[in-house]
Amino acid sequence: MRKIRKGDQVVVLAGRDKGKRGSILRVLENDRVLVEGVNIVKRHTRPNPNRGVTGGIIDKEAPIHVSNVALYNAATGKGERVGIRTLENGTKVRYFKKSGETADVK
């Protein structure tokens, strides 16, 4: 079970986008994630008429390391560290380490 999943609301902890909030678009290998609207880079693309791609400069999200994001806790309004706890019935749930409340309850 991963602590950060696709669709989670996260807060960036480090880097030039520190403090920004966004949702996880993709979880990549090597412990990297794509966060919506965070770590925007400019990609220079060459036109390719065979594929119908026009050239130009495109803004896109670059991957950020998972250690630089924290799951957003709506109750406190901050990003918090997440742990994994096993319940009595054997299911695993994520919980916020500071407050102890479960993060998977929607």
N, C-alpha and C. Protein backbone atom coordinates (compact mmCIF):
# COMPACT_ATOMS: atom_id res chain seq x y z
N MET A 1 0.84 -1.18 0.00
CA MET A 1 0.00 0.00 0.00
C MET A 1 0.89 1.24 0.00
N ARG A 2 0.58 2.15 -0.88
CA ARG A 2 1.36 3.39 -0.98
C ARG A 2 0.77 4.46 -0.09
N LYS A 3 1.65 5.32 0.42
CA LYS A 3 1.19 6.40 1.28
C LYS A 3 0.58 7.54 0.46
N ILE A 4 1.08 7.73 -0.76
CA ILE A 4 0.56 8.77 -1.66
C ILE A 4 0.01 8.07 -2.89
N ARG A 5 -1.23 8.37 -3.26
CA ARG A 5 -1.89 7.70 -4.39
C ARG A 5 -2.40 8.72 -5.40
N LYS A 6 -2.75 8.22 -6.57
CA LYS A 6 -3.33 9.06 -7.62
C LYS A 6 -4.65 9.64 -7.12
N GLY A 7 -4.83 10.93 -7.35
CA GLY A 7 -6.06 11.60 -6.95
C GLY A 7 -6.00 12.26 -5.58
N ASP A 8 -4.95 12.02 -4.79
CA ASP A 8 -4.82 12.63 -3.47
C ASP A 8 -4.52 14.12 -3.59
N GLN A 9 -5.03 14.90 -2.64
CA GLN A 9 -4.67 16.30 -2.52
C GLN A 9 -3.40 16.36 -1.68
N VAL A 10 -2.36 17.02 -2.22
CA VAL A 10 -1.08 17.10 -1.52
C VAL A 10 -0.61 18.54 -1.43
N VAL A 11 0.31 18.79 -0.50
CA VAL A 11 0.95 20.09 -0.33
C VAL A 11 2.44 19.89 -0.59
N VAL A 12 3.05 20.79 -1.36
CA VAL A 12 4.48 20.69 -1.66
C VAL A 12 5.27 21.25 -0.48
N LEU A 13 6.26 20.47 -0.02
CA LEU A 13 7.03 20.85 1.16
C LEU A 13 8.34 21.55 0.83
N ALA A 14 8.90 21.31 -0.36
CA ALA A 14 10.21 21.86 -0.69
C ALA A 14 10.27 22.22 -2.16
N GLY A 15 11.18 23.12 -2.48
CA GLY A 15 11.38 23.52 -3.87
C GLY A 15 10.77 24.88 -4.15
N ARG A 16 10.79 25.26 -5.41
CA ARG A 16 10.32 26.60 -5.77
C ARG A 16 8.81 26.73 -5.67
N ASP A 17 8.08 25.60 -5.62
CA ASP A 17 6.63 25.63 -5.49
C ASP A 17 6.18 25.28 -4.07
N LYS A 18 7.02 25.54 -3.09
CA LYS A 18 6.72 25.21 -1.70
C LYS A 18 5.43 25.90 -1.26
N GLY A 19 4.55 25.12 -0.63
CA GLY A 19 3.29 25.66 -0.15
C GLY A 19 2.13 25.49 -1.10
N LYS A 20 2.39 25.16 -2.36
CA LYS A 20 1.31 24.99 -3.33
C LYS A 20 0.58 23.69 -3.07
N ARG A 21 -0.70 23.68 -3.44
CA ARG A 21 -1.53 22.50 -3.25
C ARG A 21 -2.03 22.03 -4.61
N GLY A 22 -2.11 20.73 -4.80
CA GLY A 22 -2.61 20.16 -6.05
C GLY A 22 -2.92 18.70 -5.87
N SER A 23 -3.51 18.12 -6.91
CA SER A 23 -3.83 16.70 -6.83
C SER A 23 -2.82 15.89 -7.63
N ILE A 24 -2.63 14.65 -7.24
CA ILE A 24 -1.68 13.76 -7.90
C ILE A 24 -2.27 13.29 -9.21
N LEU A 25 -1.56 13.53 -10.32
CA LEU A 25 -1.99 13.07 -11.64
C LEU A 25 -1.52 11.65 -11.92
N ARG A 26 -0.26 11.37 -11.60
CA ARG A 26 0.32 10.05 -11.82
C ARG A 26 1.36 9.76 -10.77
N VAL A 27 1.51 8.48 -10.43
CA VAL A 27 2.59 8.03 -9.56
C VAL A 27 3.56 7.27 -10.46
N LEU A 28 4.79 7.75 -10.55
CA LEU A 28 5.80 7.17 -11.42
C LEU A 28 6.73 6.26 -10.64
N GLU A 29 7.57 5.53 -11.37
CA GLU A 29 8.58 4.72 -10.69
C GLU A 29 9.65 5.64 -10.10
N ASN A 30 10.54 5.10 -9.33
CA ASN A 30 11.60 5.86 -8.65
C ASN A 30 11.04 6.87 -7.66
N ASP A 31 9.88 6.57 -7.07
CA ASP A 31 9.28 7.41 -6.02
C ASP A 31 9.06 8.85 -6.48
N ARG A 32 8.54 9.03 -7.67
CA ARG A 32 8.23 10.36 -8.18
C ARG A 32 6.75 10.46 -8.51
N VAL A 33 6.22 11.67 -8.40
CA VAL A 33 4.81 11.91 -8.68
C VAL A 33 4.66 13.15 -9.55
N LEU A 34 3.56 13.19 -10.31
CA LEU A 34 3.19 14.38 -11.07
C LEU A 34 2.06 15.05 -10.32
N VAL A 35 2.26 16.31 -9.95
CA VAL A 35 1.25 17.06 -9.21
C VAL A 35 0.69 18.13 -10.13
N GLU A 36 -0.62 18.26 -10.15
CA GLU A 36 -1.30 19.20 -11.02
C GLU A 36 -0.93 20.64 -10.66
N GLY A 37 -0.37 21.38 -11.63
CA GLY A 37 -0.04 22.79 -11.45
C GLY A 37 1.23 23.06 -10.66
N VAL A 38 2.04 22.03 -10.43
CA VAL A 38 3.26 22.19 -9.64
C VAL A 38 4.46 21.76 -10.47
N ASN A 39 5.59 22.45 -10.31
CA ASN A 39 6.83 22.15 -11.02
C ASN A 39 6.64 22.23 -12.53
N ILE A 40 6.09 23.35 -12.98
CA ILE A 40 5.82 23.58 -14.40
C ILE A 40 7.13 23.90 -15.11
N VAL A 41 7.39 23.19 -16.22
CA VAL A 41 8.57 23.43 -17.04
C VAL A 41 8.12 23.73 -18.46
N LYS A 42 9.00 24.38 -19.22
CA LYS A 42 8.70 24.68 -20.61
C LYS A 42 9.36 23.63 -21.50
N ARG A 43 8.59 23.01 -22.35
CA ARG A 43 9.07 21.97 -23.26
C ARG A 43 9.02 22.51 -24.68
N HIS A 44 10.18 22.58 -25.34
CA HIS A 44 10.26 23.05 -26.71
C HIS A 44 10.03 21.87 -27.64
N THR A 45 8.96 21.93 -28.42
CA THR A 45 8.62 20.81 -29.30
C THR A 45 8.82 21.20 -30.76
N ARG A 46 9.27 20.25 -31.52
CA ARG A 46 9.49 20.43 -32.95
C ARG A 46 8.21 20.03 -33.68
N PRO A 47 7.84 20.75 -34.72
CA PRO A 47 6.63 20.38 -35.45
C PRO A 47 6.80 19.03 -36.16
N ASN A 48 5.76 18.23 -36.16
CA ASN A 48 5.74 16.94 -36.83
C ASN A 48 4.45 16.84 -37.64
N PRO A 49 4.51 17.13 -38.94
CA PRO A 49 3.28 17.13 -39.74
C PRO A 49 2.67 15.74 -39.90
N ASN A 50 3.48 14.69 -39.77
CA ASN A 50 2.94 13.33 -39.89
C ASN A 50 1.98 13.01 -38.75
N ARG A 51 2.28 13.49 -37.57
CA ARG A 51 1.42 13.27 -36.42
C ARG A 51 0.43 14.41 -36.19
N GLY A 52 0.58 15.48 -36.94
CA GLY A 52 -0.30 16.63 -36.77
C GLY A 52 0.05 17.48 -35.56
N VAL A 53 1.34 17.44 -35.16
CA VAL A 53 1.79 18.20 -33.99
C VAL A 53 2.39 19.51 -34.47
N THR A 54 1.87 20.60 -33.92
CA THR A 54 2.46 21.90 -34.24
C THR A 54 3.59 22.17 -33.26
N GLY A 55 4.62 22.84 -33.73
CA GLY A 55 5.76 23.15 -32.87
C GLY A 55 5.47 24.32 -31.97
N GLY A 56 6.31 24.51 -30.97
CA GLY A 56 6.17 25.63 -30.06
C GLY A 56 6.66 25.28 -28.68
N ILE A 57 6.33 26.15 -27.75
CA ILE A 57 6.73 25.96 -26.36
C ILE A 57 5.49 25.56 -25.57
N ILE A 58 5.59 24.42 -24.89
CA ILE A 58 4.46 23.87 -24.13
C ILE A 58 4.82 23.87 -22.65
N ASP A 59 3.89 24.31 -21.82
CA ASP A 59 4.07 24.22 -20.37
C ASP A 59 3.50 22.88 -19.91
N LYS A 60 4.32 22.15 -19.12
CA LYS A 60 3.84 20.87 -18.60
C LYS A 60 4.43 20.61 -17.23
N GLU A 61 3.81 19.69 -16.50
CA GLU A 61 4.27 19.35 -15.16
C GLU A 61 5.44 18.38 -15.25
N ALA A 62 6.46 18.62 -14.45
CA ALA A 62 7.59 17.71 -14.34
C ALA A 62 7.45 16.93 -13.04
N PRO A 63 8.02 15.73 -12.98
CA PRO A 63 7.90 14.92 -11.76
C PRO A 63 8.61 15.57 -10.57
N ILE A 64 8.09 15.30 -9.39
CA ILE A 64 8.67 15.78 -8.14
C ILE A 64 8.78 14.56 -7.23
N HIS A 65 9.80 14.54 -6.38
CA HIS A 65 10.00 13.37 -5.51
C HIS A 65 8.91 13.31 -4.45
N VAL A 66 8.50 12.09 -4.13
CA VAL A 66 7.39 11.89 -3.20
C VAL A 66 7.73 12.39 -1.80
N SER A 67 9.00 12.50 -1.46
CA SER A 67 9.38 13.01 -0.13
C SER A 67 9.15 14.51 -0.03
N ASN A 68 8.94 15.18 -1.14
CA ASN A 68 8.72 16.62 -1.12
C ASN A 68 7.25 17.00 -1.12
N VAL A 69 6.36 16.02 -0.95
CA VAL A 69 4.94 16.31 -0.85
C VAL A 69 4.38 15.63 0.40
N ALA A 70 3.32 16.20 0.95
CA ALA A 70 2.64 15.63 2.11
C ALA A 70 1.14 15.65 1.83
N LEU A 71 0.45 14.64 2.30
CA LEU A 71 -0.99 14.52 2.11
C LEU A 71 -1.69 15.67 2.83
N TYR A 72 -2.68 16.28 2.16
CA TYR A 72 -3.39 17.44 2.72
C TYR A 72 -4.48 16.95 3.67
N ASN A 73 -4.47 17.49 4.88
CA ASN A 73 -5.49 17.17 5.88
C ASN A 73 -6.50 18.31 5.90
N ALA A 74 -7.72 18.04 5.48
CA ALA A 74 -8.75 19.07 5.39
C ALA A 74 -9.15 19.59 6.78
N ALA A 75 -9.02 18.76 7.80
CA ALA A 75 -9.41 19.16 9.15
C ALA A 75 -8.49 20.24 9.70
N THR A 76 -7.19 20.10 9.45
CA THR A 76 -6.23 21.09 9.97
C THR A 76 -5.85 22.12 8.93
N GLY A 77 -6.08 21.82 7.65
CA GLY A 77 -5.72 22.75 6.59
C GLY A 77 -4.25 22.75 6.25
N LYS A 78 -3.54 21.70 6.65
CA LYS A 78 -2.10 21.60 6.42
C LYS A 78 -1.75 20.25 5.81
N GLY A 79 -0.53 20.14 5.33
CA GLY A 79 -0.02 18.87 4.87
C GLY A 79 0.57 18.11 6.05
N GLU A 80 0.28 16.82 6.12
CA GLU A 80 0.78 16.02 7.24
C GLU A 80 1.38 14.72 6.75
N ARG A 81 2.25 14.15 7.58
CA ARG A 81 2.85 12.86 7.26
C ARG A 81 1.80 11.77 7.42
N VAL A 82 2.00 10.68 6.66
CA VAL A 82 1.02 9.61 6.63
C VAL A 82 1.68 8.31 7.03
N GLY A 83 0.97 7.50 7.79
CA GLY A 83 1.41 6.17 8.15
C GLY A 83 0.36 5.15 7.73
N ILE A 84 0.69 3.87 7.86
CA ILE A 84 -0.25 2.80 7.50
C ILE A 84 -0.52 1.99 8.76
N ARG A 85 -1.80 1.80 9.04
CA ARG A 85 -2.24 1.09 10.24
C ARG A 85 -3.12 -0.08 9.82
N THR A 86 -2.98 -1.21 10.50
CA THR A 86 -3.82 -2.37 10.24
C THR A 86 -4.93 -2.40 11.29
N LEU A 87 -6.18 -2.47 10.82
CA LEU A 87 -7.33 -2.51 11.72
C LEU A 87 -7.55 -3.93 12.24
N GLU A 88 -8.52 -4.08 13.16
CA GLU A 88 -8.81 -5.38 13.75
C GLU A 88 -9.25 -6.41 12.73
N ASN A 89 -9.99 -5.95 11.70
CA ASN A 89 -10.50 -6.89 10.69
C ASN A 89 -9.46 -7.22 9.61
N GLY A 90 -8.25 -6.69 9.73
CA GLY A 90 -7.17 -7.02 8.81
C GLY A 90 -6.99 -6.07 7.66
N THR A 91 -7.84 -5.04 7.53
CA THR A 91 -7.68 -4.09 6.44
C THR A 91 -6.65 -3.03 6.82
N LYS A 92 -5.95 -2.56 5.81
CA LYS A 92 -4.94 -1.53 6.03
C LYS A 92 -5.52 -0.18 5.64
N VAL A 93 -5.29 0.83 6.46
CA VAL A 93 -5.75 2.18 6.18
C VAL A 93 -4.61 3.16 6.42
N ARG A 94 -4.69 4.29 5.73
CA ARG A 94 -3.71 5.35 5.95
C ARG A 94 -4.23 6.26 7.06
N TYR A 95 -3.31 6.79 7.87
CA TYR A 95 -3.71 7.70 8.93
C TYR A 95 -2.69 8.83 9.03
N PHE A 96 -3.15 9.97 9.53
CA PHE A 96 -2.27 11.11 9.75
C PHE A 96 -1.52 10.89 11.05
N LYS A 97 -0.21 11.02 11.01
CA LYS A 97 0.62 10.71 12.17
C LYS A 97 0.44 11.72 13.30
N LYS A 98 0.17 12.98 12.97
CA LYS A 98 0.06 14.00 14.01
C LYS A 98 -1.25 13.88 14.78
N SER A 99 -2.35 13.76 14.05
CA SER A 99 -3.66 13.72 14.71
C SER A 99 -4.14 12.30 15.00
N GLY A 100 -3.66 11.31 14.25
CA GLY A 100 -4.06 9.93 14.46
C GLY A 100 -5.33 9.53 13.74
N GLU A 101 -6.00 10.47 13.06
CA GLU A 101 -7.25 10.13 12.37
C GLU A 101 -6.96 9.50 11.02
N THR A 102 -7.87 8.68 10.55
CA THR A 102 -7.66 7.97 9.29
C THR A 102 -7.82 8.92 8.12
N ALA A 103 -7.04 8.69 7.08
CA ALA A 103 -7.05 9.57 5.91
C ALA A 103 -7.93 9.02 4.80
N ASP A 104 -8.30 7.73 4.86
CA ASP A 104 -9.04 7.12 3.76
C ASP A 104 -10.54 7.31 3.86
N VAL A 105 -11.05 7.82 4.95
CA VAL A 105 -12.48 8.03 5.10
C VAL A 105 -12.88 9.23 4.25
N LYS A 106 -13.82 9.01 3.33
CA LYS A 106 -14.24 10.08 2.43
C LYS A 106 -15.53 10.71 2.93
